[in-house]
């Protein structure tokens, strides 16, 4: 790992006080909302994971002739590079990106529904998210088959991950896990494609265009750099300043109208007997100095 700038190092220490987890789910590399991932990882300070069901080996390559499995390797590393920029973690399933699919039914037949569902349940039980977020709608006419199938699987996995009768072979390594809620991160873009006016009335909305003084940039600016890691797809974007609204539709679990982590305790209170840990973390933060960061080491060692 490269040495961190002092501001980012201080932010990483502050993150130690937050234990929340969010899992973002979509089908391909470049499907993820890098703005939201950046916001969750650095403003909400929750551990944020992007689960890309495929490695993008069915896509095109604007940089060269490598396609198929070779392209999948390249796009895997593009995703890993993006997460190093925006602060998220990257996971994959074994789903094959076999190219364009018109229907989720076709996608799930080719992928093997139970196999990919097992992978998603494993990801949920391993990362233990408080909130699961999908990028695409449940309705198949919003987009193509891979995208819709990812959300259908997320809906099934939301329930299956909490059920010890589902995929019991996993329980030698992980425990059943019930996330608090499953939500769809909708966008005006989906509606424009269908020539429908987007109406955000009643939807949960979050302004993620916040400036972080420790990082010296807004989350939209950081996300633009993260998005630009998807070079083979030509998905670079301009840095933006100012408000940037994201909207969310409730799919399952306990609804919320206030914030994504409503009614979720993200403090160390969720870990019995953690008082000494919290005290040491706070001491390390209080002792932090940009000109002498080693002052925080004793408390971190504790």
C-alpha atoms as a PDB file:
ATOM      1  CA  UNK A   1       0.000   0.000   0.000  1.00  0.00           C
ATOM      2  CA  UNK A   2       1.180   3.509  -0.817  1.00  0.00           C
ATOM      3  CA  UNK A   3       1.718   5.853   2.156  1.00  0.00           C
ATOM      4  CA  UNK A   4      -1.436   7.886   2.829  1.00  0.00           C
ATOM      5  CA  UNK A   5      -1.544  11.686   2.847  1.00  0.00           C
ATOM      6  CA  UNK A   6      -2.049  13.026   6.360  1.00  0.00           C
ATOM      7  CA  UNK A   7      -5.661  14.061   5.768  1.00  0.00           C
ATOM      8  CA  UNK A   8      -6.635  10.645   4.457  1.00  0.00           C
ATOM      9  CA  UNK A   9      -4.741   8.971   7.289  1.00  0.00           C
ATOM     10  CA  UNK A  10      -6.757  10.982   9.819  1.00  0.00           C
ATOM     11  CA  UNK A  11      -9.980  10.050   8.013  1.00  0.00           C
ATOM     12  CA  UNK A  12      -9.060   6.354   8.104  1.00  0.00           C
ATOM     13  CA  UNK A  13      -8.524   6.616  11.843  1.00  0.00           C
ATOM     14  CA  UNK A  14     -11.905   8.299  12.264  1.00  0.00           C
ATOM     15  CA  UNK A  15     -13.494   5.418  10.360  1.00  0.00           C
ATOM     16  CA  UNK A  16     -12.379   3.040  13.109  1.00  0.00           C
ATOM     17  CA  UNK A  17     -15.223   4.360  15.269  1.00  0.00           C
ATOM     18  CA  UNK A  18     -17.890   3.284  12.763  1.00  0.00           C
ATOM     19  CA  UNK A  19     -18.881  -0.373  12.296  1.00  0.00           C
ATOM     20  CA  UNK A  20     -21.698  -0.165   9.750  1.00  0.00           C
ATOM     21  CA  UNK A  21     -21.622  -2.131   6.481  1.00  0.00           C
ATOM     22  CA  UNK A  22     -23.245  -1.557   3.096  1.00  0.00           C
ATOM     23  CA  UNK A  23     -23.260  -3.954   0.125  1.00  0.00           C
ATOM     24  CA  UNK A  24     -23.833  -2.470  -3.341  1.00  0.00           C
ATOM     25  CA  UNK A  25     -24.921  -5.017  -5.970  1.00  0.00           C
ATOM     26  CA  UNK A  26     -24.899  -4.891  -9.778  1.00  0.00           C
ATOM     27  CA  UNK A  27     -23.967  -7.028 -12.763  1.00  0.00           C
ATOM     28  CA  UNK A  28     -20.787  -5.629 -14.332  1.00  0.00           C
ATOM     29  CA  UNK A  29     -17.671  -3.572 -13.790  1.00  0.00           C
ATOM     30  CA  UNK A  30     -18.738   0.078 -14.383  1.00  0.00           C
ATOM     31  CA  UNK A  31     -22.345  -0.567 -13.239  1.00  0.00           C
ATOM     32  CA  UNK A  32     -21.570   0.731  -9.767  1.00  0.00           C
ATOM     33  CA  UNK A  33     -22.448   4.249  -8.625  1.00  0.00           C
ATOM     34  CA  UNK A  34     -18.989   5.533  -7.726  1.00  0.00           C
ATOM     35  CA  UNK A  35     -20.425   8.740  -6.254  1.00  0.00           C
ATOM     36  CA  UNK A  36     -22.519   6.826  -3.751  1.00  0.00           C
ATOM     37  CA  UNK A  37     -19.733   4.391  -2.899  1.00  0.00           C
ATOM     38  CA  UNK A  38     -17.368   7.330  -2.289  1.00  0.00           C
ATOM     39  CA  UNK A  39     -19.949   9.048  -0.071  1.00  0.00           C
ATOM     40  CA  UNK A  40     -20.734   5.941   1.967  1.00  0.00           C
ATOM     41  CA  UNK A  41     -17.080   5.000   2.489  1.00  0.00           C
ATOM     42  CA  UNK A  42     -15.843   8.481   3.421  1.00  0.00           C
ATOM     43  CA  UNK A  43     -18.790  10.531   4.714  1.00  0.00           C
ATOM     44  CA  UNK A  44     -20.954   7.867   6.343  1.00  0.00           C
ATOM     45  CA  UNK A  45     -17.673   6.049   7.125  1.00  0.00           C
ATOM     46  CA  UNK A  46     -19.285   2.625   6.729  1.00  0.00           C
ATOM     47  CA  UNK A  47     -17.477  -0.346   5.223  1.00  0.00           C
ATOM     48  CA  UNK A  48     -18.753  -0.298   1.637  1.00  0.00           C
ATOM     49  CA  UNK A  49     -18.457  -3.267  -0.704  1.00  0.00           C
ATOM     50  CA  UNK A  50     -19.306  -3.462  -4.393  1.00  0.00           C
ATOM     51  CA  UNK A  51     -20.368  -6.925  -5.553  1.00  0.00           C
ATOM     52  CA  UNK A  52     -20.002  -7.138  -9.338  1.00  0.00           C
ATOM     53  CA  UNK A  53     -21.582 -10.417 -10.382  1.00  0.00           C
ATOM     54  CA  UNK A  54     -19.405 -10.622 -13.507  1.00  0.00           C
ATOM     55  CA  UNK A  55     -15.922  -9.468 -14.461  1.00  0.00           C
ATOM     56  CA  UNK A  56     -17.093  -7.785 -17.649  1.00  0.00           C
ATOM     57  CA  UNK A  57     -15.489 -10.250 -20.054  1.00  0.00           C
ATOM     58  CA  UNK A  58     -18.443  -9.982 -22.458  1.00  0.00           C
ATOM     59  CA  UNK A  59     -17.928  -6.279 -23.065  1.00  0.00           C
ATOM     60  CA  UNK A  60     -15.898  -4.292 -25.561  1.00  0.00           C
ATOM     61  CA  UNK A  61     -12.396  -2.906 -25.244  1.00  0.00           C
ATOM     62  CA  UNK A  62     -11.694   0.629 -26.425  1.00  0.00           C
ATOM     63  CA  UNK A  63      -7.980   0.304 -25.690  1.00  0.00           C
ATOM     64  CA  UNK A  64      -6.965  -2.796 -27.609  1.00  0.00           C
ATOM     65  CA  UNK A  65      -7.765  -6.193 -29.059  1.00  0.00           C
ATOM     66  CA  UNK A  66      -7.979  -8.160 -25.789  1.00  0.00           C
ATOM     67  CA  UNK A  67     -11.478  -9.598 -25.398  1.00  0.00           C
ATOM     68  CA  UNK A  68     -13.144 -12.430 -23.504  1.00  0.00           C
ATOM     69  CA  UNK A  69     -11.206 -13.761 -20.528  1.00  0.00           C
ATOM     70  CA  UNK A  70      -8.299 -11.365 -21.123  1.00  0.00           C
ATOM     71  CA  UNK A  71     -10.697  -8.421 -21.011  1.00  0.00           C
ATOM     72  CA  UNK A  72     -12.207  -9.858 -17.815  1.00  0.00           C
ATOM     73  CA  UNK A  73      -8.766  -9.727 -16.190  1.00  0.00           C
ATOM     74  CA  UNK A  74      -8.261  -6.124 -17.306  1.00  0.00           C
ATOM     75  CA  UNK A  75     -11.678  -5.016 -16.075  1.00  0.00           C
ATOM     76  CA  UNK A  76     -11.125  -6.816 -12.780  1.00  0.00           C
ATOM     77  CA  UNK A  77      -8.066  -4.649 -12.214  1.00  0.00           C
ATOM     78  CA  UNK A  78      -9.961  -1.547 -13.322  1.00  0.00           C
ATOM     79  CA  UNK A  79     -12.504  -2.226 -10.576  1.00  0.00           C
ATOM     80  CA  UNK A  80      -9.773  -2.799  -7.997  1.00  0.00           C
ATOM     81  CA  UNK A  81      -8.174   0.497  -9.044  1.00  0.00           C
ATOM     82  CA  UNK A  82     -11.518   2.283  -8.735  1.00  0.00           C
ATOM     83  CA  UNK A  83     -12.009   0.999  -5.189  1.00  0.00           C
ATOM     84  CA  UNK A  84      -8.524   2.157  -4.178  1.00  0.00           C
ATOM     85  CA  UNK A  85      -9.634   5.645  -5.190  1.00  0.00           C
ATOM     86  CA  UNK A  86     -13.146   5.771  -3.716  1.00  0.00           C
ATOM     87  CA  UNK A  87     -12.486   3.749  -0.539  1.00  0.00           C
ATOM     88  CA  UNK A  88     -14.745   0.773  -1.217  1.00  0.00           C
ATOM     89  CA  UNK A  89     -13.961  -2.942  -1.274  1.00  0.00           C
ATOM     90  CA  UNK A  90     -14.442  -5.136  -4.345  1.00  0.00           C
ATOM     91  CA  UNK A  91     -16.098  -8.566  -4.555  1.00  0.00           C
ATOM     92  CA  UNK A  92     -17.158 -10.801  -7.468  1.00  0.00           C
ATOM     93  CA  UNK A  93     -19.337 -13.838  -8.104  1.00  0.00           C
ATOM     94  CA  UNK A  94     -18.651 -16.624 -10.595  1.00  0.00           C
ATOM     95  CA  UNK A  95     -21.271 -15.335 -13.090  1.00  0.00           C
ATOM     96  CA  UNK A  96     -20.111 -15.262 -16.702  1.00  0.00           C
ATOM     97  CA  UNK A  97     -20.597 -12.086 -18.711  1.00  0.00           C
ATOM     98  CA  UNK A  98     -21.733 -13.853 -21.874  1.00  0.00           C
ATOM     99  CA  UNK A  99     -22.759 -10.641 -23.670  1.00  0.00           C
ATOM    100  CA  UNK A 100     -26.076  -8.883 -24.125  1.00  0.00           C
ATOM    101  CA  UNK A 101     -29.143 -10.658 -22.767  1.00  0.00           C
ATOM    102  CA  UNK A 102     -32.673  -9.503 -23.506  1.00  0.00           C
ATOM    103  CA  UNK A 103     -34.328 -11.062 -20.445  1.00  0.00           C
ATOM    104  CA  UNK A 104     -33.424 -11.855 -16.835  1.00  0.00           C
ATOM    105  CA  UNK A 105     -34.913 -15.313 -17.302  1.00  0.00           C
ATOM    106  CA  UNK A 106     -32.376 -16.068 -20.038  1.00  0.00           C
ATOM    107  CA  UNK A 107     -29.574 -14.645 -17.916  1.00  0.00           C
ATOM    108  CA  UNK A 108     -30.430 -16.766 -14.885  1.00  0.00           C
ATOM    109  CA  UNK A 109     -30.736 -19.906 -17.010  1.00  0.00           C
ATOM    110  CA  UNK A 110     -27.256 -19.396 -18.477  1.00  0.00           C
ATOM    111  CA  UNK A 111     -25.659 -18.266 -15.227  1.00  0.00           C
ATOM    112  CA  UNK A 112     -27.282 -20.958 -13.132  1.00  0.00           C
ATOM    113  CA  UNK A 113     -29.628 -19.240 -10.725  1.00  0.00           C
ATOM    114  CA  UNK A 114     -28.832 -21.289  -7.629  1.00  0.00           C
ATOM    115  CA  UNK A 115     -25.064 -21.070  -8.146  1.00  0.00           C
ATOM    116  CA  UNK A 116     -25.015 -17.276  -8.400  1.00  0.00           C
ATOM    117  CA  UNK A 117     -27.573 -16.960  -5.606  1.00  0.00           C
ATOM    118  CA  UNK A 118     -25.223 -19.013  -3.427  1.00  0.00           C
ATOM    119  CA  UNK A 119     -22.381 -16.624  -4.283  1.00  0.00           C
ATOM    120  CA  UNK A 120     -24.496 -13.621  -3.334  1.00  0.00           C
ATOM    121  CA  UNK A 121     -25.623 -15.244  -0.081  1.00  0.00           C
ATOM    122  CA  UNK A 122     -21.967 -15.963   0.702  1.00  0.00           C
ATOM    123  CA  UNK A 123     -21.102 -12.302   0.083  1.00  0.00           C
ATOM    124  CA  UNK A 124     -23.901 -11.159   2.387  1.00  0.00           C
ATOM    125  CA  UNK A 125     -23.007 -13.590   5.148  1.00  0.00           C
ATOM    126  CA  UNK A 126     -19.326 -12.663   4.851  1.00  0.00           C
ATOM    127  CA  UNK A 127     -19.590  -8.856   4.698  1.00  0.00           C
ATOM    128  CA  UNK A 128     -22.670  -8.711   7.000  1.00  0.00           C
ATOM    129  CA  UNK A 129     -24.242  -5.578   5.484  1.00  0.00           C
ATOM    130  CA  UNK A 130     -26.742  -3.496   7.394  1.00  0.00           C
ATOM    131  CA  UNK A 131     -28.097  -2.240   4.070  1.00  0.00           C
ATOM    132  CA  UNK A 132     -28.043  -3.828   0.609  1.00  0.00           C
ATOM    133  CA  UNK A 133     -28.341  -1.490  -2.373  1.00  0.00           C
ATOM    134  CA  UNK A 134     -29.097  -2.528  -5.945  1.00  0.00           C
ATOM    135  CA  UNK A 135     -28.306  -0.437  -9.005  1.00  0.00           C
ATOM    136  CA  UNK A 136     -31.196  -1.636 -11.135  1.00  0.00           C
ATOM    137  CA  UNK A 137     -34.955  -2.007 -10.839  1.00  0.00           C
ATOM    138  CA  UNK A 138     -36.972  -5.180 -10.376  1.00  0.00           C
ATOM    139  CA  UNK A 139     -38.887  -4.454 -13.606  1.00  0.00           C
ATOM    140  CA  UNK A 140     -37.153  -5.905 -16.652  1.00  0.00           C
ATOM    141  CA  UNK A 141     -38.118  -3.096 -19.044  1.00  0.00           C
ATOM    142  CA  UNK A 142     -35.775  -0.620 -17.311  1.00  0.00           C
ATOM    143  CA  UNK A 143     -32.650  -2.252 -18.733  1.00  0.00           C
ATOM    144  CA  UNK A 144     -31.273  -5.558 -20.075  1.00  0.00           C
ATOM    145  CA  UNK A 145     -31.213  -9.066 -18.671  1.00  0.00           C
ATOM    146  CA  UNK A 146     -27.971  -9.097 -16.664  1.00  0.00           C
ATOM    147  CA  UNK A 147     -28.927  -5.928 -14.810  1.00  0.00           C
ATOM    148  CA  UNK A 148     -32.429  -7.049 -13.860  1.00  0.00           C
ATOM    149  CA  UNK A 149     -31.201 -10.519 -12.902  1.00  0.00           C
ATOM    150  CA  UNK A 150     -28.740  -8.959 -10.443  1.00  0.00           C
ATOM    151  CA  UNK A 151     -31.618  -7.272  -8.605  1.00  0.00           C
ATOM    152  CA  UNK A 152     -33.817 -10.367  -8.704  1.00  0.00           C
ATOM    153  CA  UNK A 153     -30.981 -12.330  -7.115  1.00  0.00           C
ATOM    154  CA  UNK A 154     -30.445  -9.599  -4.511  1.00  0.00           C
ATOM    155  CA  UNK A 155     -34.114  -9.839  -3.541  1.00  0.00           C
ATOM    156  CA  UNK A 156     -33.850 -13.612  -3.123  1.00  0.00           C
ATOM    157  CA  UNK A 157     -30.502 -13.400  -1.324  1.00  0.00           C
ATOM    158  CA  UNK A 158     -31.839 -10.802   1.130  1.00  0.00           C
ATOM    159  CA  UNK A 159     -34.100 -13.508   2.564  1.00  0.00           C
ATOM    160  CA  UNK A 160     -31.943 -16.566   1.917  1.00  0.00           C
ATOM    161  CA  UNK A 161     -28.866 -15.181   3.716  1.00  0.00           C
ATOM    162  CA  UNK A 162     -30.833 -15.066   6.980  1.00  0.00           C
ATOM    163  CA  UNK A 163     -32.228 -18.592   6.594  1.00  0.00           C
ATOM    164  CA  UNK A 164     -29.983 -21.356   8.028  1.00  0.00           C
ATOM    165  CA  UNK A 165     -31.805 -23.869   5.821  1.00  0.00           C
ATOM    166  CA  UNK A 166     -30.489 -22.161   2.678  1.00  0.00           C
ATOM    167  CA  UNK A 167     -26.962 -23.082   1.596  1.00  0.00           C
ATOM    168  CA  UNK A 168     -26.176 -24.744   4.949  1.00  0.00           C
ATOM    169  CA  UNK A 169     -22.740 -25.848   3.683  1.00  0.00           C
ATOM    170  CA  UNK A 170     -21.628 -22.221   4.096  1.00  0.00           C
ATOM    171  CA  UNK A 171     -22.338 -22.259   7.823  1.00  0.00           C
ATOM    172  CA  UNK A 172     -19.072 -24.046   8.589  1.00  0.00           C
ATOM    173  CA  UNK A 173     -17.418 -20.710   7.796  1.00  0.00           C
ATOM    174  CA  UNK A 174     -20.044 -17.967   8.210  1.00  0.00           C
ATOM    175  CA  UNK A 175     -23.291 -17.396  10.066  1.00  0.00           C
ATOM    176  CA  UNK A 176     -26.746 -16.493   8.738  1.00  0.00           C
ATOM    177  CA  UNK A 177     -27.130 -12.743   8.355  1.00  0.00           C
ATOM    178  CA  UNK A 178     -30.248 -10.565   8.103  1.00  0.00           C
ATOM    179  CA  UNK A 179     -29.683  -7.142   6.584  1.00  0.00           C
ATOM    180  CA  UNK A 180     -31.938  -4.350   7.806  1.00  0.00           C
ATOM    181  CA  UNK A 181     -33.204  -3.269   4.387  1.00  0.00           C
ATOM    182  CA  UNK A 182     -32.844  -3.691   0.631  1.00  0.00           C
ATOM    183  CA  UNK A 183     -33.182  -0.575  -1.518  1.00  0.00           C
ATOM    184  CA  UNK A 184     -32.894   0.406  -5.181  1.00  0.00           C
ATOM    185  CA  UNK A 185     -30.583   3.299  -6.006  1.00  0.00           C
ATOM    186  CA  UNK A 186     -32.732   4.737  -8.789  1.00  0.00           C
ATOM    187  CA  UNK A 187     -31.756   7.476 -11.234  1.00  0.00           C
ATOM    188  CA  UNK A 188     -33.351   9.983 -13.585  1.00  0.00           C
ATOM    189  CA  UNK A 189     -31.392   8.225 -16.355  1.00  0.00           C
ATOM    190  CA  UNK A 190     -33.566   5.119 -16.163  1.00  0.00           C
ATOM    191  CA  UNK A 191     -36.706   7.165 -16.747  1.00  0.00           C
ATOM    192  CA  UNK A 192     -35.266   9.293 -19.541  1.00  0.00           C
ATOM    193  CA  UNK A 193     -34.557   6.109 -21.501  1.00  0.00           C
ATOM    194  CA  UNK A 194     -38.277   5.311 -21.382  1.00  0.00           C
ATOM    195  CA  UNK A 195     -39.394   8.925 -21.994  1.00  0.00           C
ATOM    196  CA  UNK A 196     -41.019   9.036 -18.564  1.00  0.00           C
ATOM    197  CA  UNK A 197     -40.778  12.050 -16.294  1.00  0.00           C
ATOM    198  CA  UNK A 198     -38.933  11.223 -13.091  1.00  0.00           C
ATOM    199  CA  UNK A 199     -40.951  12.086  -9.977  1.00  0.00           C
ATOM    200  CA  UNK A 200     -38.921  11.878  -6.740  1.00  0.00           C
ATOM    201  CA  UNK A 201     -41.937  12.543  -4.516  1.00  0.00           C
ATOM    202  CA  UNK A 202     -41.875  10.219  -1.525  1.00  0.00           C
ATOM    203  CA  UNK A 203     -38.437   8.821  -2.297  1.00  0.00           C
ATOM    204  CA  UNK A 204     -35.534   8.910   0.110  1.00  0.00           C
ATOM    205  CA  UNK A 205     -33.026  11.447  -1.219  1.00  0.00           C
ATOM    206  CA  UNK A 206     -29.427  12.107  -0.195  1.00  0.00           C
ATOM    207  CA  UNK A 207     -27.128  14.925  -1.309  1.00  0.00           C
ATOM    208  CA  UNK A 208     -23.782  13.241  -1.878  1.00  0.00           C
ATOM    209  CA  UNK A 209     -22.031  16.243  -3.442  1.00  0.00           C
ATOM    210  CA  UNK A 210     -20.369  17.044  -0.113  1.00  0.00           C
ATOM    211  CA  UNK A 211     -16.851  18.479   0.233  1.00  0.00           C
ATOM    212  CA  UNK A 212     -14.472  16.580   2.524  1.00  0.00           C
ATOM    213  CA  UNK A 213     -11.819  18.922   3.968  1.00  0.00           C
ATOM    214  CA  UNK A 214      -9.552  16.047   5.001  1.00  0.00           C
ATOM    215  CA  UNK A 215      -9.435  14.778   1.421  1.00  0.00           C
ATOM    216  CA  UNK A 216      -9.434  18.238  -0.131  1.00  0.00           C
ATOM    217  CA  UNK A 217     -12.149  17.305  -2.633  1.00  0.00           C
ATOM    218  CA  UNK A 218     -15.860  16.719  -2.977  1.00  0.00           C
ATOM    219  CA  UNK A 219     -17.134  13.172  -3.261  1.00  0.00           C
ATOM    220  CA  UNK A 220     -18.221  13.942  -6.823  1.00  0.00           C
ATOM    221  CA  UNK A 221     -14.634  14.879  -7.696  1.00  0.00           C
ATOM    222  CA  UNK A 222     -13.232  11.722  -6.109  1.00  0.00           C
ATOM    223  CA  UNK A 223     -15.895   9.622  -7.827  1.00  0.00           C
ATOM    224  CA  UNK A 224     -14.931  11.093 -11.198  1.00  0.00           C
ATOM    225  CA  UNK A 225     -11.405   9.772 -10.725  1.00  0.00           C
ATOM    226  CA  UNK A 226     -12.781   6.409  -9.632  1.00  0.00           C
ATOM    227  CA  UNK A 227     -15.129   6.252 -12.611  1.00  0.00           C
ATOM    228  CA  UNK A 228     -12.261   7.100 -14.926  1.00  0.00           C
ATOM    229  CA  UNK A 229     -10.500   3.880 -13.893  1.00  0.00           C
ATOM    230  CA  UNK A 230     -12.875   2.062 -16.288  1.00  0.00           C
ATOM    231  CA  UNK A 231     -10.626   2.893 -19.225  1.00  0.00           C
ATOM    232  CA  UNK A 232     -11.512  -0.021 -21.500  1.00  0.00           C
ATOM    233  CA  UNK A 233     -15.147   1.148 -21.493  1.00  0.00           C
ATOM    234  CA  UNK A 234     -14.368   4.839 -21.970  1.00  0.00           C
ATOM    235  CA  UNK A 235     -16.270   5.685 -18.793  1.00  0.00           C
ATOM    236  CA  UNK A 236     -14.204   8.654 -17.697  1.00  0.00           C
ATOM    237  CA  UNK A 237     -16.193  11.599 -16.377  1.00  0.00           C
ATOM    238  CA  UNK A 238     -15.607  15.251 -15.576  1.00  0.00           C
ATOM    239  CA  UNK A 239     -15.190  16.322 -11.970  1.00  0.00           C
ATOM    240  CA  UNK A 240     -18.276  18.048 -10.595  1.00  0.00           C
ATOM    241  CA  UNK A 241     -18.906  20.531  -7.821  1.00  0.00           C
ATOM    242  CA  UNK A 242     -22.079  21.369  -5.923  1.00  0.00           C
ATOM    243  CA  UNK A 243     -25.139  19.383  -4.843  1.00  0.00           C
ATOM    244  CA  UNK A 244     -25.603  15.905  -6.285  1.00  0.00           C
ATOM    245  CA  UNK A 245     -28.815  14.128  -5.336  1.00  0.00           C
ATOM    246  CA  UNK A 246     -29.283  10.385  -5.177  1.00  0.00           C
ATOM    247  CA  UNK A 247     -32.698   8.724  -4.839  1.00  0.00           C
ATOM    248  CA  UNK A 248     -33.734   5.420  -3.306  1.00  0.00           C
ATOM    249  CA  UNK A 249     -36.746   3.099  -3.590  1.00  0.00           C
ATOM    250  CA  UNK A 250     -37.548   0.648  -0.795  1.00  0.00           C
ATOM    251  CA  UNK A 251     -37.601  -2.997  -1.905  1.00  0.00           C
ATOM    252  CA  UNK A 252     -37.562  -5.147   1.252  1.00  0.00           C
ATOM    253  CA  UNK A 253     -36.953  -5.073   4.982  1.00  0.00           C
ATOM    254  CA  UNK A 254     -37.586  -2.123   7.284  1.00  0.00           C
ATOM    255  CA  UNK A 255     -38.443   1.066   5.348  1.00  0.00           C
ATOM    256  CA  UNK A 256     -36.725   4.377   5.948  1.00  0.00           C
ATOM    257  CA  UNK A 257     -37.554   7.939   4.956  1.00  0.00           C
ATOM    258  CA  UNK A 258     -34.749   9.693   6.864  1.00  0.00           C
ATOM    259  CA  UNK A 259     -31.416   8.216   5.792  1.00  0.00           C
ATOM    260  CA  UNK A 260     -29.927   5.021   4.450  1.00  0.00           C
ATOM    261  CA  UNK A 261     -28.739   3.883   7.880  1.00  0.00           C
ATOM    262  CA  UNK A 262     -31.852   4.881   9.806  1.00  0.00           C
ATOM    263  CA  UNK A 263     -32.325   2.894  13.064  1.00  0.00           C
ATOM    264  CA  UNK A 264     -28.962   1.157  12.610  1.00  0.00           C
ATOM    265  CA  UNK A 265     -26.418   1.399  15.415  1.00  0.00           C
ATOM    266  CA  UNK A 266     -23.080   1.871  13.671  1.00  0.00           C
ATOM    267  CA  UNK A 267     -21.141   2.432  16.896  1.00  0.00           C
ATOM    268  CA  UNK A 268     -19.067  -0.030  18.900  1.00  0.00           C
ATOM    269  CA  UNK A 269     -22.123  -0.529  21.146  1.00  0.00           C
ATOM    270  CA  UNK A 270     -22.978  -3.442  18.870  1.00  0.00           C
ATOM    271  CA  UNK A 271     -19.889  -5.289  20.172  1.00  0.00           C
ATOM    272  CA  UNK A 272     -20.152  -6.316  23.861  1.00  0.00           C
ATOM    273  CA  UNK A 273     -17.165  -5.389  25.980  1.00  0.00           C
ATOM    274  CA  UNK A 274     -15.659  -3.001  23.432  1.00  0.00           C
ATOM    275  CA  UNK A 275     -15.174  -0.019  25.771  1.00  0.00           C
ATOM    276  CA  UNK A 276     -11.384  -0.415  25.882  1.00  0.00           C
ATOM    277  CA  UNK A 277     -11.224  -0.562  22.088  1.00  0.00           C
ATOM    278  CA  UNK A 278     -13.219   2.666  21.737  1.00  0.00           C
ATOM    279  CA  UNK A 279     -11.057   4.385  24.323  1.00  0.00           C
ATOM    280  CA  UNK A 280      -7.854   3.421  22.498  1.00  0.00           C
ATOM    281  CA  UNK A 281      -9.228   4.557  19.141  1.00  0.00           C
ATOM    282  CA  UNK A 282     -10.235   7.933  20.559  1.00  0.00           C
ATOM    283  CA  UNK A 283      -6.815   8.331  22.166  1.00  0.00           C
ATOM    284  CA  UNK A 284      -5.115   7.617  18.842  1.00  0.00           C
ATOM    285  CA  UNK A 285      -7.307  10.221  17.104  1.00  0.00           C
ATOM    286  CA  UNK A 286      -6.689  12.813  19.814  1.00  0.00           C
ATOM    287  CA  UNK A 287      -2.947  12.207  19.597  1.00  0.00           C
ATOM    288  CA  UNK A 288      -2.824  12.460  15.808  1.00  0.00           C
ATOM    289  CA  UNK A 289      -0.513  15.090  14.353  1.00  0.00           C
ATOM    290  CA  UNK A 290       0.041  15.587  10.624  1.00  0.00           C
ATOM    291  CA  UNK A 291       3.665  16.496  11.297  1.00  0.00           C
ATOM    292  CA  UNK A 292       4.216  13.619  13.729  1.00  0.00           C
ATOM    293  CA  UNK A 293       1.724  10.824  12.908  1.00  0.00           C
ATOM    294  CA  UNK A 294       3.755   8.318  14.942  1.00  0.00           C
ATOM    295  CA  UNK A 295       2.290   9.879  18.095  1.00  0.00           C
ATOM    296  CA  UNK A 296      -0.871   7.840  17.428  1.00  0.00           C
ATOM    297  CA  UNK A 297       0.938   4.516  17.220  1.00  0.00           C
ATOM    298  CA  UNK A 298       0.934   3.548  20.948  1.00  0.00           C
ATOM    299  CA  UNK A 299      -2.829   3.869  21.257  1.00  0.00           C
ATOM    300  CA  UNK A 300      -3.323   2.045  17.941  1.00  0.00           C
ATOM    301  CA  UNK A 301      -1.120  -0.775  19.218  1.00  0.00           C
ATOM    302  CA  UNK A 302      -3.284  -0.975  22.339  1.00  0.00           C
END
